[in-house]
Amino acid sequence: MLPLSMIVRYLGGNASSETRVHTEGIPWHSKRIISMINTKHWPNGSPLAKQDDRKRHENIEKYENIHLYLQWRAFTAITENNSIESVDTRHTATGETRRFNAPFFIDCTGDGWLGFWAGAEMMYGREPVSKYDESWPKYGELWSPNEGDNRVMGSSVLWRTIDTGEPVDFPQVPWSMEVVGNFEAIEGTWHWEFSHNDLHQVNDSEIIRDHMFKAIYGSFYNAKQQPEN
């Protein structure tokens, strides 16, 4: 069998402990692979979903021909003759960089970053309803715009807090107030999503991330100012 390498931050993608969306594939006649990665039906965002991380790791690590490189995040692709020759990565904890060479690459980023860096043909945003003569009257302009734009599904940051049973200090975060104003919250659900017509999910990913961090820390700070918190 050919040796395979996986450059991943966490096994499981959306089902990982980082994102925590359960998977329930139907095994049908081929139970081996799907049963190895299936998870329980955890509520979206439940911290208990991280229990399935150990299951996935143990199942993947037992294959001698699969090499795992955890917490390596790709940041660019090197191409030649319309083919990806290598991918540059950075370790999310140490900052170390490393180049991976391979005959084939599979982009599992969710936003198509690798294909974007490689210059692959792509569509971005919402096309005008006239392009494919498709419309959904129920949602009108939201899903069937007359004019195309760069709006896409936003990036979300899932977060929650725990009650320690005793007072816990939290510092002021004046750098976040421009985003949150007076809004307060003690957890973030799937409704916490951000995108903007003037922002690009790949090129402006750090701006989007910083915006969501401000939303988290500012909202929690405001909530902490209430007597019961």
Protein backbone atom coordinates (compact mmCIF):
# COMPACT_ATOMS: atom_id res chain seq x y z
CA MET A 1 0.00 0.00 0.00
CA LEU A 2 1.20 3.52 -0.75
CA PRO A 3 2.21 5.65 2.23
CA LEU A 4 -0.27 8.47 2.80
CA SER A 5 0.30 11.71 4.70
CA MET A 6 -2.33 13.83 6.36
CA ILE A 7 -1.62 17.48 7.21
CA VAL A 8 -4.36 18.34 9.65
CA ARG A 9 -5.07 20.53 12.64
CA TYR A 10 -7.52 18.03 14.10
CA LEU A 11 -8.85 14.76 12.75
CA GLY A 12 -12.50 14.84 11.85
CA GLY A 13 -12.86 18.23 10.20
CA ASN A 14 -16.27 19.59 11.19
CA ALA A 15 -16.70 16.62 13.54
CA SER A 16 -13.46 17.39 15.42
CA SER A 17 -13.28 18.81 18.91
CA GLU A 18 -12.37 22.14 17.31
CA THR A 19 -15.70 22.54 15.48
CA ARG A 20 -17.87 19.84 17.07
CA VAL A 21 -20.52 18.86 14.54
CA HIS A 22 -21.49 15.21 14.89
CA THR A 23 -21.34 12.78 11.96
CA GLU A 24 -23.76 9.91 11.45
CA GLY A 25 -22.93 8.23 8.18
CA ILE A 26 -25.01 5.19 7.23
CA PRO A 27 -22.57 2.22 7.15
CA TRP A 28 -24.64 0.17 4.69
CA HIS A 29 -22.52 -2.81 3.54
CA SER A 30 -19.16 -1.13 4.18
CA LYS A 31 -18.97 -0.64 7.91
CA ARG A 32 -15.20 -0.47 8.32
CA ILE A 33 -14.34 3.15 7.41
CA ILE A 34 -17.58 4.90 8.34
CA SER A 35 -17.85 3.17 11.70
CA MET A 36 -14.31 4.31 12.45
CA ILE A 37 -15.19 7.99 12.07
CA ASN A 38 -18.86 8.11 13.02
CA THR A 39 -19.75 9.99 16.19
CA LYS A 40 -22.62 10.00 18.59
CA HIS A 41 -25.43 12.46 17.97
CA TRP A 42 -24.00 15.18 20.17
CA PRO A 43 -25.87 18.49 20.34
CA ASN A 44 -24.12 20.98 18.06
CA GLY A 45 -21.36 22.64 20.03
CA SER A 46 -21.36 20.14 22.89
CA PRO A 47 -17.90 19.87 24.53
CA LEU A 48 -18.61 16.17 25.07
CA ALA A 49 -18.05 15.66 21.33
CA LYS A 50 -14.29 15.75 21.94
CA GLN A 51 -14.61 12.23 23.35
CA ASP A 52 -14.77 11.00 19.77
CA ASP A 53 -11.33 12.51 19.02
CA ARG A 54 -9.62 9.61 20.79
CA LYS A 55 -11.63 7.11 18.77
CA ARG A 56 -10.60 8.69 15.46
CA HIS A 57 -6.95 9.00 16.44
CA GLU A 58 -6.67 5.41 17.59
CA ASN A 59 -8.30 4.14 14.40
CA ILE A 60 -6.11 6.19 12.06
CA GLU A 61 -2.82 5.77 13.92
CA LYS A 62 -3.00 1.98 13.71
CA TYR A 63 -2.34 2.13 9.95
CA GLU A 64 1.41 1.99 9.34
CA ASN A 65 1.08 3.52 5.87
CA ILE A 66 -0.62 6.70 7.16
CA HIS A 67 1.54 9.45 8.64
CA LEU A 68 -0.19 12.17 10.63
CA TYR A 69 1.09 15.72 10.93
CA LEU A 70 -1.21 17.36 13.44
CA GLN A 71 -1.57 21.11 13.93
CA TRP A 72 0.18 21.95 10.66
CA ARG A 73 -1.73 24.66 8.83
CA ALA A 74 -1.15 25.26 5.12
CA PHE A 75 -0.59 28.87 4.03
CA THR A 76 0.38 28.63 0.36
CA ALA A 77 0.71 26.24 -2.58
CA ILE A 78 3.59 25.99 -5.02
CA THR A 79 2.53 25.04 -8.54
CA GLU A 80 4.21 24.05 -11.79
CA ASN A 81 2.52 23.30 -15.12
CA ASN A 82 -0.95 23.75 -13.60
CA SER A 83 -0.22 21.18 -10.90
CA ILE A 84 0.42 21.58 -7.18
CA GLU A 85 3.99 20.45 -6.47
CA SER A 86 4.17 21.28 -2.77
CA VAL A 87 2.39 23.01 0.09
CA ASP A 88 3.98 25.26 2.71
CA THR A 89 2.68 24.86 6.25
CA ARG A 90 3.17 26.40 9.67
CA HIS A 91 2.78 24.69 13.02
CA THR A 92 0.00 26.41 14.96
CA ALA A 93 1.79 26.05 18.32
CA THR A 94 5.50 26.52 17.56
CA GLY A 95 5.40 28.69 14.42
CA GLU A 96 7.82 26.30 12.68
CA THR A 97 7.41 26.11 8.89
CA ARG A 98 7.65 23.00 6.74
CA ARG A 99 7.17 22.18 3.06
CA PHE A 100 5.32 19.03 2.01
CA ASN A 101 5.87 17.56 -1.46
CA ALA A 102 3.44 15.03 -2.94
CA PRO A 103 2.06 13.85 -6.29
CA PHE A 104 -1.51 14.59 -5.15
CA PHE A 105 -3.15 16.92 -2.66
CA ILE A 106 -6.72 16.86 -1.34
CA ASP A 107 -8.14 20.19 -0.19
CA CYS A 108 -10.26 19.63 2.92
CA THR A 109 -10.13 23.20 4.24
CA GLY A 110 -13.83 23.79 3.70
CA ASP A 111 -13.25 27.13 1.96
CA GLY A 112 -11.12 25.78 -0.91
CA TRP A 113 -7.98 27.61 0.21
CA LEU A 114 -5.56 25.23 -1.47
CA GLY A 115 -7.30 25.50 -4.83
CA PHE A 116 -7.46 29.28 -4.46
CA TRP A 117 -3.72 29.54 -3.77
CA ALA A 118 -3.03 27.27 -6.74
CA GLY A 119 -4.98 29.57 -9.06
CA ALA A 120 -7.71 27.03 -9.88
CA GLU A 121 -10.85 28.24 -11.63
CA MET A 122 -13.46 29.16 -9.09
CA MET A 123 -16.66 31.06 -8.42
CA TYR A 124 -17.01 33.28 -5.39
CA GLY A 125 -20.02 35.02 -3.90
CA ARG A 126 -23.58 35.10 -5.18
CA GLU A 127 -24.15 35.06 -8.92
CA PRO A 128 -27.11 36.99 -10.36
CA VAL A 129 -30.29 34.97 -10.66
CA SER A 130 -30.15 35.42 -14.44
CA LYS A 131 -26.87 33.49 -14.79
CA TYR A 132 -28.45 30.06 -14.35
CA ASP A 133 -32.10 31.12 -14.41
CA GLU A 134 -32.47 29.93 -10.83
CA SER A 135 -34.55 31.60 -8.16
CA TRP A 136 -36.18 30.87 -4.84
CA PRO A 137 -39.08 33.28 -4.37
CA LYS A 138 -39.44 32.31 -0.72
CA TYR A 139 -36.22 34.13 0.16
CA GLY A 140 -36.25 36.64 -2.68
CA GLU A 141 -33.20 38.89 -2.96
CA LEU A 142 -31.38 37.11 -0.14
CA TRP A 143 -30.86 33.87 -2.08
CA SER A 144 -31.73 35.04 -5.59
CA PRO A 145 -30.10 38.47 -6.08
CA ASN A 146 -30.63 40.37 -9.29
CA GLU A 147 -27.06 41.66 -9.07
CA GLY A 148 -24.12 39.39 -8.19
CA ASP A 149 -21.88 40.26 -5.25
CA ASN A 150 -19.18 38.82 -2.99
CA ARG A 151 -21.43 37.72 -0.17
CA VAL A 152 -20.79 34.18 1.10
CA MET A 153 -21.58 32.17 4.20
CA GLY A 154 -19.69 33.70 7.09
CA SER A 155 -17.04 32.29 9.37
CA SER A 156 -18.27 31.28 12.80
CA VAL A 157 -16.51 31.04 16.15
CA LEU A 158 -18.10 28.60 18.56
CA TRP A 159 -17.52 29.35 22.24
CA ARG A 160 -19.03 28.60 25.61
CA THR A 161 -18.31 29.22 29.28
CA ILE A 162 -18.68 27.25 32.50
CA ASP A 163 -19.93 28.29 35.92
CA THR A 164 -17.09 27.79 38.41
CA GLY A 165 -19.34 28.33 41.41
CA GLU A 166 -17.24 31.26 42.62
CA PRO A 167 -16.40 34.79 41.41
CA VAL A 168 -13.83 34.99 38.59
CA ASP A 169 -12.25 38.26 37.47
CA PHE A 170 -12.19 39.23 33.81
CA PRO A 171 -10.09 42.13 32.44
CA GLN A 172 -11.42 45.11 30.56
CA VAL A 173 -11.26 44.73 26.78
CA PRO A 174 -11.67 48.24 25.37
CA TRP A 175 -10.32 47.10 21.98
CA SER A 176 -13.47 45.01 21.46
CA MET A 177 -16.12 47.62 22.25
CA GLU A 178 -16.21 48.95 18.68
CA VAL A 179 -17.67 45.61 17.64
CA VAL A 180 -19.99 44.68 20.50
CA GLY A 181 -21.25 47.98 21.88
CA ASN A 182 -23.59 47.05 24.74
CA PHE A 183 -24.31 43.51 23.56
CA GLU A 184 -23.68 40.78 26.13
CA ALA A 185 -23.49 36.99 25.97
CA ILE A 186 -21.98 34.06 27.86
CA GLU A 187 -21.72 31.68 24.92
CA GLY A 188 -21.62 31.70 21.12
CA THR A 189 -23.78 29.37 19.04
CA TRP A 190 -23.97 28.73 15.31
CA HIS A 191 -25.68 32.11 14.97
CA TRP A 192 -22.29 33.73 15.64
CA GLU A 193 -21.24 34.13 12.03
CA PHE A 194 -19.55 36.99 10.22
CA SER A 195 -18.99 37.91 6.59
CA HIS A 196 -19.01 41.12 4.63
CA ASN A 197 -19.32 42.01 0.98
CA ASP A 198 -15.96 43.83 1.15
CA LEU A 199 -14.11 40.96 2.85
CA HIS A 200 -12.72 37.81 1.24
CA GLN A 201 -12.89 34.54 3.20
CA VAL A 202 -9.31 33.64 2.23
CA ASN A 203 -7.46 36.92 1.75
CA ASP A 204 -9.10 38.60 4.74
CA SER A 205 -9.39 35.58 7.02
CA GLU A 206 -7.33 37.18 9.80
CA ILE A 207 -9.50 40.33 9.77
CA ILE A 208 -12.60 38.13 10.04
CA ARG A 209 -11.01 36.11 12.85
CA ASP A 210 -10.06 39.26 14.79
CA HIS A 211 -13.60 40.61 14.41
CA MET A 212 -15.05 37.43 15.90
CA PHE A 213 -12.55 37.45 18.77
CA LYS A 214 -13.60 40.99 19.59
CA ALA A 215 -17.22 39.86 19.56
CA ILE A 216 -16.44 37.02 21.97
CA TYR A 217 -14.35 38.89 24.53
CA GLY A 218 -16.42 42.07 24.44
CA SER A 219 -19.74 40.24 24.79
CA PHE A 220 -18.45 38.17 27.68
CA TYR A 221 -16.99 41.23 29.37
CA ASN A 222 -20.34 43.00 29.18
CA ALA A 223 -22.07 39.93 30.63
CA LYS A 224 -19.58 39.82 33.50
CA GLN A 225 -20.59 43.32 34.54
CA GLN A 226 -24.02 42.02 35.56
CA PRO A 227 -24.38 41.31 39.32
CA GLU A 228 -25.21 37.62 38.84
CA ASN A 229 -22.00 37.08 36.87
